[in-house]
Every structure is written in structure tokens, then in C-alpha cells.
Amino acid sequence: MGKRDTQKDSLDYAPADGSQPYKREAARSSQELLADFDKNVASARAAITETSDEGYAKLWTLLAGGQKIFSIPRVAVLRSFVFNHIIHHRGQLSVYLRLNDIPVPGMYGPSADEAS
């Protein structure tokens, strides 16, 4: 059994060995998409909890065709590429909802739309 994605030390988004880059299979329904999301949330929480301080300090490397793009500590990957990316998409969602006159639901507690 291979390492869990969260335990790998690098990601090559254009593998030099000719293998196919990672690509998720599209969900066939909303129900399937939500079930996959719930599964991935549980897996991510477990990986975050199981990782030691030393594990977070280890370097993680982004590669393109085997060439190093950069290396940063795993904790920086988690903060910048995971948490900040989620925050960015929540911002996009709230703008989309407002532009379509749809009340914005609470994301970090009640929203102004829920209070009115």
C-alpha cells in the first residue's frame, strides 16, 4: 500500500516519467459529490490530527516534469494552499450569491443576510 497523499513529500503535476498526472473523476450526481466531500473532510481531519509537529516542519516540494518549483514546510502548504484556498473560494461564493440576489448563508457564524 502506498503512502497517503498527505504523507508524500512532493507532488509532480506534470510527471517526468510519463505517468498521468492526478485527475479526479467527475461526480455523477450532487449526492455523489457531497458524499465524496464528506469522506475527504473526514480523511483530512484525521491526517491533520495525526501529523506531528516534526511532520509539519518537514519540507514539501512542488515539481513540474521532475524540476523543482519550490520547497516549503508542510505547515505552510496546509495554511496557504489548503486553508487560504478554501477562504478564497468562500469569498467567490458569497460574491456569486450576492450578484444573483441570493441570501448569503453563515460561513463563520450568522451572516448579515440571516440577521435581517
C-alpha atoms as a PDB file:
ATOM      1  CA  MET A   1       0.000   0.000   0.000  1.00  0.00           C
ATOM      2  CA  GLY A   2       1.400   3.421  -0.971  1.00  0.00           C
ATOM      3  CA  LYS A   3       1.681   6.481   1.172  1.00  0.00           C
ATOM      4  CA  ARG A   4      -1.409   8.522   1.757  1.00  0.00           C
ATOM      5  CA  ASP A   5      -1.318  11.729  -0.325  1.00  0.00           C
ATOM      6  CA  THR A   6      -0.922  13.719   2.896  1.00  0.00           C
ATOM      7  CA  GLN A   7       2.263  11.789   3.707  1.00  0.00           C
ATOM      8  CA  LYS A   8       4.014  12.346   0.389  1.00  0.00           C
ATOM      9  CA  ASP A   9       6.996  14.686   0.308  1.00  0.00           C
ATOM     10  CA  SER A  10       6.226  16.110  -3.133  1.00  0.00           C
ATOM     11  CA  LEU A  11       3.753  16.485  -5.967  1.00  0.00           C
ATOM     12  CA  ASP A  12       4.773  16.460  -9.616  1.00  0.00           C
ATOM     13  CA  TYR A  13       1.859  17.947 -11.518  1.00  0.00           C
ATOM     14  CA  ALA A  14       3.418  17.000 -14.866  1.00  0.00           C
ATOM     15  CA  PRO A  15       5.215  13.714 -14.095  1.00  0.00           C
ATOM     16  CA  ALA A  16       8.529  13.355 -15.915  1.00  0.00           C
ATOM     17  CA  ASP A  17       8.167   9.564 -16.035  1.00  0.00           C
ATOM     18  CA  GLY A  18       5.286   9.822 -18.491  1.00  0.00           C
ATOM     19  CA  SER A  19       2.661   8.705 -15.987  1.00  0.00           C
ATOM     20  CA  GLN A  20      -0.640  10.556 -15.941  1.00  0.00           C
ATOM     21  CA  PRO A  21      -0.962  13.497 -13.548  1.00  0.00           C
ATOM     22  CA  TYR A  22      -3.544  13.205 -10.794  1.00  0.00           C
ATOM     23  CA  LYS A  23      -7.066  13.827 -12.055  1.00  0.00           C
ATOM     24  CA  ARG A  24     -10.270  13.392 -10.103  1.00  0.00           C
ATOM     25  CA  GLU A  25     -13.143  11.595 -11.706  1.00  0.00           C
ATOM     26  CA  ALA A  26     -16.159  13.895 -12.071  1.00  0.00           C
ATOM     27  CA  ALA A  27     -19.087  13.243  -9.736  1.00  0.00           C
ATOM     28  CA  ARG A  28     -22.146  11.876 -11.491  1.00  0.00           C
ATOM     29  CA  SER A  29     -24.632  13.498  -9.116  1.00  0.00           C
ATOM     30  CA  SER A  30     -24.920  16.061  -6.347  1.00  0.00           C
ATOM     31  CA  GLN A  31     -25.384  13.219  -3.870  1.00  0.00           C
ATOM     32  CA  GLU A  32     -22.155  11.565  -5.017  1.00  0.00           C
ATOM     33  CA  LEU A  33     -20.299  14.898  -4.857  1.00  0.00           C
ATOM     34  CA  LEU A  34     -21.475  15.578  -1.297  1.00  0.00           C
ATOM     35  CA  ALA A  35     -20.630  12.043  -0.150  1.00  0.00           C
ATOM     36  CA  ASP A  36     -17.133  12.386  -1.627  1.00  0.00           C
ATOM     37  CA  PHE A  37     -16.733  15.776   0.062  1.00  0.00           C
ATOM     38  CA  ASP A  38     -17.765  14.346   3.459  1.00  0.00           C
ATOM     39  CA  LYS A  39     -15.334  11.438   3.031  1.00  0.00           C
ATOM     40  CA  ASN A  40     -12.488  13.796   2.137  1.00  0.00           C
ATOM     41  CA  VAL A  41     -13.241  16.124   5.076  1.00  0.00           C
ATOM     42  CA  ALA A  42     -13.024  13.174   7.487  1.00  0.00           C
ATOM     43  CA  SER A  43      -9.790  11.993   5.870  1.00  0.00           C
ATOM     44  CA  ALA A  44      -8.256  15.490   6.003  1.00  0.00           C
ATOM     45  CA  ARG A  45      -9.180  15.966   9.667  1.00  0.00           C
ATOM     46  CA  ALA A  46      -7.613  12.635  10.525  1.00  0.00           C
ATOM     47  CA  ALA A  47      -4.415  13.489   8.613  1.00  0.00           C
ATOM     48  CA  ILE A  48      -4.166  16.905  10.288  1.00  0.00           C
ATOM     49  CA  THR A  49      -4.666  15.368  13.726  1.00  0.00           C
ATOM     50  CA  GLU A  50      -2.229  12.505  13.125  1.00  0.00           C
ATOM     51  CA  THR A  51       0.612  14.719  11.870  1.00  0.00           C
ATOM     52  CA  SER A  52       3.239  15.614  14.466  1.00  0.00           C
ATOM     53  CA  ASP A  53       4.978  18.972  14.837  1.00  0.00           C
ATOM     54  CA  GLU A  54       8.031  17.361  13.267  1.00  0.00           C
ATOM     55  CA  GLY A  55       5.882  16.180  10.360  1.00  0.00           C
ATOM     56  CA  TYR A  56       4.613  19.712   9.789  1.00  0.00           C
ATOM     57  CA  ALA A  57       8.190  21.047   9.800  1.00  0.00           C
ATOM     58  CA  LYS A  58       9.281  18.649   7.012  1.00  0.00           C
ATOM     59  CA  LEU A  59       9.719  20.187   3.587  1.00  0.00           C
ATOM     60  CA  TRP A  60       7.216  19.527   0.826  1.00  0.00           C
ATOM     61  CA  THR A  61       8.181  20.114  -2.820  1.00  0.00           C
ATOM     62  CA  LEU A  62       6.159  21.074  -5.883  1.00  0.00           C
ATOM     63  CA  LEU A  63       7.601  19.678  -9.110  1.00  0.00           C
ATOM     64  CA  ALA A  64       6.864  20.151 -12.810  1.00  0.00           C
ATOM     65  CA  GLY A  65       8.302  17.491 -15.065  1.00  0.00           C
ATOM     66  CA  GLY A  66      10.711  16.461 -12.321  1.00  0.00           C
ATOM     67  CA  GLN A  67      12.010  20.033 -11.935  1.00  0.00           C
ATOM     68  CA  LYS A  68      11.640  21.615  -8.501  1.00  0.00           C
ATOM     69  CA  ILE A  69       9.399  24.682  -8.476  1.00  0.00           C
ATOM     70  CA  PHE A  70       9.730  25.284  -4.720  1.00  0.00           C
ATOM     71  CA  SER A  71      10.019  23.588  -1.337  1.00  0.00           C
ATOM     72  CA  ILE A  72       8.296  24.847   1.803  1.00  0.00           C
ATOM     73  CA  PRO A  73       7.377  23.335   5.191  1.00  0.00           C
ATOM     74  CA  ARG A  74       4.219  21.242   5.192  1.00  0.00           C
ATOM     75  CA  VAL A  75       2.581  23.621   7.674  1.00  0.00           C
ATOM     76  CA  ALA A  76       2.938  26.408   5.073  1.00  0.00           C
ATOM     77  CA  VAL A  77       1.328  24.150   2.457  1.00  0.00           C
ATOM     78  CA  LEU A  78      -1.587  23.480   4.796  1.00  0.00           C
ATOM     79  CA  ARG A  79      -2.041  27.161   5.608  1.00  0.00           C
ATOM     80  CA  SER A  80      -1.512  28.691   2.177  1.00  0.00           C
ATOM     81  CA  PHE A  81      -2.750  26.058  -0.262  1.00  0.00           C
ATOM     82  CA  VAL A  82      -5.496  24.479   1.807  1.00  0.00           C
ATOM     83  CA  PHE A  83      -6.957  26.947   4.298  1.00  0.00           C
ATOM     84  CA  ASN A  84      -6.361  30.159   2.335  1.00  0.00           C
ATOM     85  CA  HIS A  85      -7.633  28.488  -0.848  1.00  0.00           C
ATOM     86  CA  ILE A  86     -10.869  27.489   0.882  1.00  0.00           C
ATOM     87  CA  ILE A  87     -11.266  31.044   2.205  1.00  0.00           C
ATOM     88  CA  HIS A  88     -10.733  32.392  -1.328  1.00  0.00           C
ATOM     89  CA  HIS A  89     -13.475  30.162  -2.751  1.00  0.00           C
ATOM     90  CA  ARG A  90     -15.883  31.072   0.038  1.00  0.00           C
ATOM     91  CA  GLY A  91     -15.323  34.705  -0.934  1.00  0.00           C
ATOM     92  CA  GLN A  92     -16.083  33.877  -4.558  1.00  0.00           C
ATOM     93  CA  LEU A  93     -19.233  32.047  -3.493  1.00  0.00           C
ATOM     94  CA  SER A  94     -20.506  34.981  -1.426  1.00  0.00           C
ATOM     95  CA  VAL A  95     -19.965  37.385  -4.362  1.00  0.00           C
ATOM     96  CA  TYR A  96     -21.753  34.989  -6.738  1.00  0.00           C
ATOM     97  CA  LEU A  97     -24.703  34.673  -4.357  1.00  0.00           C
ATOM     98  CA  ARG A  98     -24.965  38.434  -3.859  1.00  0.00           C
ATOM     99  CA  LEU A  99     -24.814  39.118  -7.619  1.00  0.00           C
ATOM    100  CA  ASN A 100     -27.736  36.708  -8.040  1.00  0.00           C
ATOM    101  CA  ASP A 101     -29.765  38.201  -5.158  1.00  0.00           C
ATOM    102  CA  ILE A 102     -29.456  35.005  -3.124  1.00  0.00           C
ATOM    103  CA  PRO A 103     -29.091  35.463   0.656  1.00  0.00           C
ATOM    104  CA  VAL A 104     -25.587  34.554   1.812  1.00  0.00           C
ATOM    105  CA  PRO A 105     -25.650  31.780   4.434  1.00  0.00           C
ATOM    106  CA  GLY A 106     -23.479  31.974   7.531  1.00  0.00           C
ATOM    107  CA  MET A 107     -19.979  30.703   6.861  1.00  0.00           C
ATOM    108  CA  TYR A 108     -18.195  31.806  10.037  1.00  0.00           C
ATOM    109  CA  GLY A 109     -21.294  32.408  12.130  1.00  0.00           C
ATOM    110  CA  PRO A 110     -24.511  34.188  11.164  1.00  0.00           C
ATOM    111  CA  SER A 111     -24.351  36.354   8.039  1.00  0.00           C
ATOM    112  CA  ALA A 112     -25.824  39.858   7.725  1.00  0.00           C
ATOM    113  CA  ASP A 113     -28.438  38.347   5.403  1.00  0.00           C
ATOM    114  CA  GLU A 114     -29.548  35.897   8.103  1.00  0.00           C
ATOM    115  CA  ALA A 115     -29.831  38.703  10.676  1.00  0.00           C
ATOM    116  CA  SER A 116     -32.194  40.799   8.543  1.00  0.00           C
END
